[in-house]
Amino acid sequence: MDEGVELAKITRRNWQRFDCATWLHKAREMPKQEFKQEVEKELTGQETEPWEIVYFKLYKSQIPHC
């Protein structure tokens, strides 16, 4: 159970204010990867979802005039 390993990370860090019921519910209900990302977000304070930079071109006629 990968979720158990992830829960242990949070418990070690926040053992005095660890909300067991909430995290167990998340572990049961969320897909495994999504739960892992939620744990990383809790531990680091940062989003860990993969991202990609996208470039695009706008013509002046496409920009609304104020």
PDB file of N, CA and C in Angstrom:
ATOM      1  N   MET A   1       0.843  -1.190   0.000  1.00  0.00           N
ATOM      2  CA  MET A   1       0.000   0.000   0.000  1.00  0.00           C
ATOM      3  C   MET A   1       0.881   1.243   0.000  1.00  0.00           C
ATOM      4  N   ASP A   2       1.013   1.848  -1.153  1.00  0.00           N
ATOM      5  CA  ASP A   2       1.791   3.082  -1.287  1.00  0.00           C
ATOM      6  C   ASP A   2       1.204   4.213  -0.446  1.00  0.00           C
ATOM      7  N   GLU A   3      -0.108   4.219  -0.280  1.00  0.00           N
ATOM      8  CA  GLU A   3      -0.762   5.274   0.481  1.00  0.00           C
ATOM      9  C   GLU A   3      -0.252   5.292   1.926  1.00  0.00           C
ATOM     10  N   GLY A   4       0.031   4.123   2.487  1.00  0.00           N
ATOM     11  CA  GLY A   4       0.541   4.039   3.856  1.00  0.00           C
ATOM     12  C   GLY A   4       1.885   4.725   3.999  1.00  0.00           C
ATOM     13  N   VAL A   5       2.738   4.564   3.022  1.00  0.00           N
ATOM     14  CA  VAL A   5       4.047   5.223   3.033  1.00  0.00           C
ATOM     15  C   VAL A   5       3.861   6.734   2.985  1.00  0.00           C
ATOM     16  N   GLU A   6       2.956   7.188   2.137  1.00  0.00           N
ATOM     17  CA  GLU A   6       2.695   8.621   2.013  1.00  0.00           C
ATOM     18  C   GLU A   6       2.115   9.181   3.314  1.00  0.00           C
ATOM     19  N   LEU A   7       1.188   8.440   3.933  1.00  0.00           N
ATOM     20  CA  LEU A   7       0.605   8.890   5.200  1.00  0.00           C
ATOM     21  C   LEU A   7       1.668   8.983   6.291  1.00  0.00           C
ATOM     22  N   ALA A   8       2.605   8.057   6.283  1.00  0.00           N
ATOM     23  CA  ALA A   8       3.678   8.076   7.284  1.00  0.00           C
ATOM     24  C   ALA A   8       4.521   9.343   7.149  1.00  0.00           C
ATOM     25  N   LYS A   9       4.746   9.805   5.933  1.00  0.00           N
ATOM     26  CA  LYS A   9       5.520  11.031   5.722  1.00  0.00           C
ATOM     27  C   LYS A   9       4.845  12.217   6.410  1.00  0.00           C
ATOM     28  N   ILE A  10       3.536  12.324   6.222  1.00  0.00           N
ATOM     29  CA  ILE A  10       2.792  13.437   6.813  1.00  0.00           C
ATOM     30  C   ILE A  10       2.735  13.299   8.329  1.00  0.00           C
ATOM     31  N   THR A  11       2.525  12.096   8.808  1.00  0.00           N
ATOM     32  CA  THR A  11       2.421  11.865  10.244  1.00  0.00           C
ATOM     33  C   THR A  11       3.716  12.242  10.944  1.00  0.00           C
ATOM     34  N   ARG A  12       4.849  11.846  10.383  1.00  0.00           N
ATOM     35  CA  ARG A  12       6.142  12.178  10.996  1.00  0.00           C
ATOM     36  C   ARG A  12       6.345  13.681  11.071  1.00  0.00           C
ATOM     37  N   ARG A  13       5.917  14.378  10.069  1.00  0.00           N
ATOM     38  CA  ARG A  13       6.135  15.828  10.022  1.00  0.00           C
ATOM     39  C   ARG A  13       5.140  16.586  10.887  1.00  0.00           C
ATOM     40  N   ASN A  14       3.889  16.145  10.917  1.00  0.00           N
ATOM     41  CA  ASN A  14       2.814  16.887  11.588  1.00  0.00           C
ATOM     42  C   ASN A  14       2.140  16.061  12.684  1.00  0.00           C
ATOM     43  N   TRP A  15       2.859  15.288  13.418  1.00  0.00           N
ATOM     44  CA  TRP A  15       2.233  14.325  14.312  1.00  0.00           C
ATOM     45  C   TRP A  15       1.316  14.959  15.348  1.00  0.00           C
ATOM     46  N   GLN A  16       1.573  16.178  15.798  1.00  0.00           N
ATOM     47  CA  GLN A  16       0.714  16.801  16.813  1.00  0.00           C
ATOM     48  C   GLN A  16      -0.591  17.327  16.218  1.00  0.00           C
ATOM     49  N   ARG A  17      -0.568  17.725  14.973  1.00  0.00           N
ATOM     50  CA  ARG A  17      -1.791  18.259  14.367  1.00  0.00           C
ATOM     51  C   ARG A  17      -2.229  17.452  13.140  1.00  0.00           C
ATOM     52  N   PHE A  18      -1.878  16.191  13.108  1.00  0.00           N
ATOM     53  CA  PHE A  18      -2.226  15.309  11.990  1.00  0.00           C
ATOM     54  C   PHE A  18      -3.714  14.973  12.038  1.00  0.00           C
ATOM     55  N   ASP A  19      -4.438  15.280  10.964  1.00  0.00           N
ATOM     56  CA  ASP A  19      -5.864  15.005  10.863  1.00  0.00           C
ATOM     57  C   ASP A  19      -6.055  13.644  10.197  1.00  0.00           C
ATOM     58  N   CYS A  20      -6.022  12.624  11.004  1.00  0.00           N
ATOM     59  CA  CYS A  20      -6.034  11.241  10.520  1.00  0.00           C
ATOM     60  C   CYS A  20      -7.241  10.941   9.637  1.00  0.00           C
ATOM     61  N   ALA A  21      -8.432  11.305  10.083  1.00  0.00           N
ATOM     62  CA  ALA A  21      -9.657  10.964   9.344  1.00  0.00           C
ATOM     63  C   ALA A  21      -9.651  11.568   7.938  1.00  0.00           C
ATOM     64  N   THR A  22      -9.236  12.815   7.831  1.00  0.00           N
ATOM     65  CA  THR A  22      -9.218  13.480   6.530  1.00  0.00           C
ATOM     66  C   THR A  22      -8.250  12.794   5.577  1.00  0.00           C
ATOM     67  N   TRP A  23      -7.040  12.494   6.081  1.00  0.00           N
ATOM     68  CA  TRP A  23      -6.037  11.887   5.209  1.00  0.00           C
ATOM     69  C   TRP A  23      -6.388  10.443   4.854  1.00  0.00           C
ATOM     70  N   LEU A  24      -6.995   9.715   5.756  1.00  0.00           N
ATOM     71  CA  LEU A  24      -7.422   8.350   5.426  1.00  0.00           C
ATOM     72  C   LEU A  24      -8.512   8.378   4.359  1.00  0.00           C
ATOM     73  N   HIS A  25      -9.421   9.332   4.478  1.00  0.00           N
ATOM     74  CA  HIS A  25     -10.474   9.475   3.473  1.00  0.00           C
ATOM     75  C   HIS A  25      -9.863   9.796   2.103  1.00  0.00           C
ATOM     76  N   LYS A  26      -8.921  10.729   2.086  1.00  0.00           N
ATOM     77  CA  LYS A  26      -8.256  11.065   0.824  1.00  0.00           C
ATOM     78  C   LYS A  26      -7.542   9.846   0.240  1.00  0.00           C
ATOM     79  N   ALA A  27      -6.883   9.076   1.096  1.00  0.00           N
ATOM     80  CA  ALA A  27      -6.144   7.889   0.633  1.00  0.00           C
ATOM     81  C   ALA A  27      -7.083   6.877  -0.008  1.00  0.00           C
ATOM     82  N   ARG A  28      -8.273   6.754   0.536  1.00  0.00           N
ATOM     83  CA  ARG A  28      -9.238   5.786  -0.010  1.00  0.00           C
ATOM     84  C   ARG A  28      -9.890   6.271  -1.292  1.00  0.00           C
ATOM     85  N   GLU A  29     -10.171   7.565  -1.357  1.00  0.00           N
ATOM     86  CA  GLU A  29     -10.993   8.096  -2.437  1.00  0.00           C
ATOM     87  C   GLU A  29     -10.210   8.592  -3.654  1.00  0.00           C
ATOM     88  N   MET A  30      -9.004   9.062  -3.451  1.00  0.00           N
ATOM     89  CA  MET A  30      -8.250   9.656  -4.562  1.00  0.00           C
ATOM     90  C   MET A  30      -7.475   8.593  -5.325  1.00  0.00           C
ATOM     91  N   PRO A  31      -7.291   8.804  -6.622  1.00  0.00           N
ATOM     92  CA  PRO A  31      -6.376   7.938  -7.374  1.00  0.00           C
ATOM     93  C   PRO A  31      -4.975   8.046  -6.752  1.00  0.00           C
ATOM     94  N   LYS A  32      -4.209   6.974  -6.859  1.00  0.00           N
ATOM     95  CA  LYS A  32      -2.909   6.877  -6.197  1.00  0.00           C
ATOM     96  C   LYS A  32      -1.986   8.052  -6.523  1.00  0.00           C
ATOM     97  N   GLN A  33      -1.860   8.407  -7.789  1.00  0.00           N
ATOM     98  CA  GLN A  33      -0.956   9.489  -8.181  1.00  0.00           C
ATOM     99  C   GLN A  33      -1.441  10.829  -7.643  1.00  0.00           C
ATOM    100  N   GLU A  34      -2.737  11.054  -7.689  1.00  0.00           N
ATOM    101  CA  GLU A  34      -3.303  12.305  -7.189  1.00  0.00           C
ATOM    102  C   GLU A  34      -3.077  12.432  -5.680  1.00  0.00           C
ATOM    103  N   PHE A  35      -3.218  11.323  -4.962  1.00  0.00           N
ATOM    104  CA  PHE A  35      -2.970  11.326  -3.519  1.00  0.00           C
ATOM    105  C   PHE A  35      -1.507  11.641  -3.225  1.00  0.00           C
ATOM    106  N   LYS A  36      -0.608  11.045  -3.994  1.00  0.00           N
ATOM    107  CA  LYS A  36       0.813  11.294  -3.806  1.00  0.00           C
ATOM    108  C   LYS A  36       1.129  12.778  -4.025  1.00  0.00           C
ATOM    109  N   GLN A  37       0.518  13.390  -5.030  1.00  0.00           N
ATOM    110  CA  GLN A  37       0.719  14.814  -5.289  1.00  0.00           C
ATOM    111  C   GLN A  37       0.180  15.655  -4.132  1.00  0.00           C
ATOM    112  N   GLU A  38      -0.941  15.252  -3.571  1.00  0.00           N
ATOM    113  CA  GLU A  38      -1.526  15.961  -2.437  1.00  0.00           C
ATOM    114  C   GLU A  38      -0.593  15.910  -1.224  1.00  0.00           C
ATOM    115  N   VAL A  39       0.028  14.757  -1.003  1.00  0.00           N
ATOM    116  CA  VAL A  39       0.988  14.611   0.101  1.00  0.00           C
ATOM    117  C   VAL A  39       2.188  15.508  -0.133  1.00  0.00           C
ATOM    118  N   GLU A  40       2.731  15.514  -1.342  1.00  0.00           N
ATOM    119  CA  GLU A  40       3.882  16.365  -1.657  1.00  0.00           C
ATOM    120  C   GLU A  40       3.535  17.840  -1.462  1.00  0.00           C
ATOM    121  N   LYS A  41       2.327  18.210  -1.857  1.00  0.00           N
ATOM    122  CA  LYS A  41       1.886  19.593  -1.674  1.00  0.00           C
ATOM    123  C   LYS A  41       1.843  19.935  -0.189  1.00  0.00           C
ATOM    124  N   GLU A  42       1.358  19.031   0.631  1.00  0.00           N
ATOM    125  CA  GLU A  42       1.295  19.240   2.082  1.00  0.00           C
ATOM    126  C   GLU A  42       2.690  19.362   2.685  1.00  0.00           C
ATOM    127  N   LEU A  43       3.616  18.538   2.230  1.00  0.00           N
ATOM    128  CA  LEU A  43       4.964  18.528   2.789  1.00  0.00           C
ATOM    129  C   LEU A  43       5.818  19.704   2.328  1.00  0.00           C
ATOM    130  N   THR A  44       5.668  20.099   1.072  1.00  0.00           N
ATOM    131  CA  THR A  44       6.548  21.131   0.523  1.00  0.00           C
ATOM    132  C   THR A  44       5.872  22.488   0.387  1.00  0.00           C
ATOM    133  N   GLY A  45       4.557  22.500   0.415  1.00  0.00           N
ATOM    134  CA  GLY A  45       3.832  23.745   0.194  1.00  0.00           C
ATOM    135  C   GLY A  45       3.770  24.140  -1.266  1.00  0.00           C
ATOM    136  N   GLN A  46       4.203  23.236  -2.150  1.00  0.00           N
ATOM    137  CA  GLN A  46       4.224  23.545  -3.578  1.00  0.00           C
ATOM    138  C   GLN A  46       3.463  22.486  -4.366  1.00  0.00           C
ATOM    139  N   GLU A  47       2.900  22.911  -5.461  1.00  0.00           N
ATOM    140  CA  GLU A  47       2.247  21.984  -6.380  1.00  0.00           C
ATOM    141  C   GLU A  47       3.319  21.121  -7.041  1.00  0.00           C
ATOM    142  N   THR A  48       3.029  19.850  -7.212  1.00  0.00           N
ATOM    143  CA  THR A  48       4.003  18.965  -7.843  1.00  0.00           C
ATOM    144  C   THR A  48       3.485  18.376  -9.140  1.00  0.00           C
ATOM    145  N   GLU A  49       2.354  18.865  -9.596  1.00  0.00           N
ATOM    146  CA  GLU A  49       1.797  18.350 -10.836  1.00  0.00           C
ATOM    147  C   GLU A  49       2.730  18.685 -11.993  1.00  0.00           C
ATOM    148  N   PRO A  50       2.926  17.754 -12.901  1.00  0.00           N
ATOM    149  CA  PRO A  50       3.772  18.051 -14.062  1.00  0.00           C
ATOM    150  C   PRO A  50       3.203  19.236 -14.837  1.00  0.00           C
ATOM    151  N   TRP A  51       4.088  20.042 -15.396  1.00  0.00           N
ATOM    152  CA  TRP A  51       3.641  21.208 -16.136  1.00  0.00           C
ATOM    153  C   TRP A  51       4.466  21.366 -17.399  1.00  0.00           C
ATOM    154  N   GLU A  52       3.973  22.229 -18.259  1.00  0.00           N
ATOM    155  CA  GLU A  52       4.638  22.450 -19.532  1.00  0.00           C
ATOM    156  C   GLU A  52       4.400  23.894 -19.952  1.00  0.00           C
ATOM    157  N   ILE A  53       5.408  24.547 -20.475  1.00  0.00           N
ATOM    158  CA  ILE A  53       5.259  25.905 -20.988  1.00  0.00           C
ATOM    159  C   ILE A  53       4.742  25.818 -22.418  1.00  0.00           C
ATOM    160  N   VAL A  54       3.734  26.627 -22.695  1.00  0.00           N
ATOM    161  CA  VAL A  54       3.138  26.648 -24.026  1.00  0.00           C
ATOM    162  C   VAL A  54       3.251  28.073 -24.572  1.00  0.00           C
ATOM    163  N   TYR A  55       3.764  28.211 -25.768  1.00  0.00           N
ATOM    164  CA  TYR A  55       3.887  29.506 -26.432  1.00  0.00           C
ATOM    165  C   TYR A  55       2.833  29.593 -27.530  1.00  0.00           C
ATOM    166  N   PHE A  56       2.256  30.775 -27.690  1.00  0.00           N
ATOM    167  CA  PHE A  56       1.333  30.976 -28.795  1.00  0.00           C
ATOM    168  C   PHE A  56       1.391  32.425 -29.242  1.00  0.00           C
ATOM    169  N   LYS A  57       0.856  32.678 -30.399  1.00  0.00           N
ATOM    170  CA  LYS A  57       0.931  34.001 -31.015  1.00  0.00           C
ATOM    171  C   LYS A  57      -0.477  34.589 -31.101  1.00  0.00           C
ATOM    172  N   LEU A  58      -0.594  35.869 -30.734  1.00  0.00           N
ATOM    173  CA  LEU A  58      -1.855  36.591 -30.892  1.00  0.00           C
ATOM    174  C   LEU A  58      -1.646  37.708 -31.895  1.00  0.00           C
ATOM    175  N   TYR A  59      -2.613  37.872 -32.764  1.00  0.00           N
ATOM    176  CA  TYR A  59      -2.603  39.000 -33.675  1.00  0.00           C
ATOM    177  C   TYR A  59      -3.306  40.170 -32.979  1.00  0.00           C
ATOM    178  N   LYS A  60      -2.921  41.386 -33.321  1.00  0.00           N
ATOM    179  CA  LYS A  60      -3.531  42.554 -32.691  1.00  0.00           C
ATOM    180  C   LYS A  60      -5.057  42.538 -32.839  1.00  0.00           C
ATOM    181  N   SER A  61      -5.544  42.007 -33.947  1.00  0.00           N
ATOM    182  CA  SER A  61      -6.985  41.955 -34.168  1.00  0.00           C
ATOM    183  C   SER A  61      -7.686  40.981 -33.203  1.00  0.00           C
ATOM    184  N   GLN A  62      -6.936  40.118 -32.572  1.00  0.00           N
ATOM    185  CA  GLN A  62      -7.516  39.159 -31.629  1.00  0.00           C
ATOM    186  C   GLN A  62      -7.569  39.692 -30.193  1.00  0.00           C
ATOM    187  N   ILE A  63      -6.858  40.795 -29.949  1.00  0.00           N
ATOM    188  CA  ILE A  63      -6.806  41.357 -28.597  1.00  0.00           C
ATOM    189  C   ILE A  63      -7.965  42.333 -28.439  1.00  0.00           C
ATOM    190  N   PRO A  64      -8.799  42.148 -27.405  1.00  0.00           N
ATOM    191  CA  PRO A  64      -9.914  43.078 -27.177  1.00  0.00           C
ATOM    192  C   PRO A  64      -9.382  44.488 -26.901  1.00  0.00           C
ATOM    193  N   HIS A  65     -10.022  45.470 -27.466  1.00  0.00           N
ATOM    194  CA  HIS A  65      -9.634  46.859 -27.252  1.00  0.00           C
ATOM    195  C   HIS A  65     -10.395  47.394 -26.067  1.00  0.00           C
ATOM    196  N   CYS A  66      -9.690  48.083 -25.185  1.00  0.00           N
ATOM    197  CA  CYS A  66     -10.331  48.643 -23.974  1.00  0.00           C
ATOM    198  C   CYS A  66     -10.895  50.001 -24.220  1.00  0.00           C
TER     199      CYS A  66
END
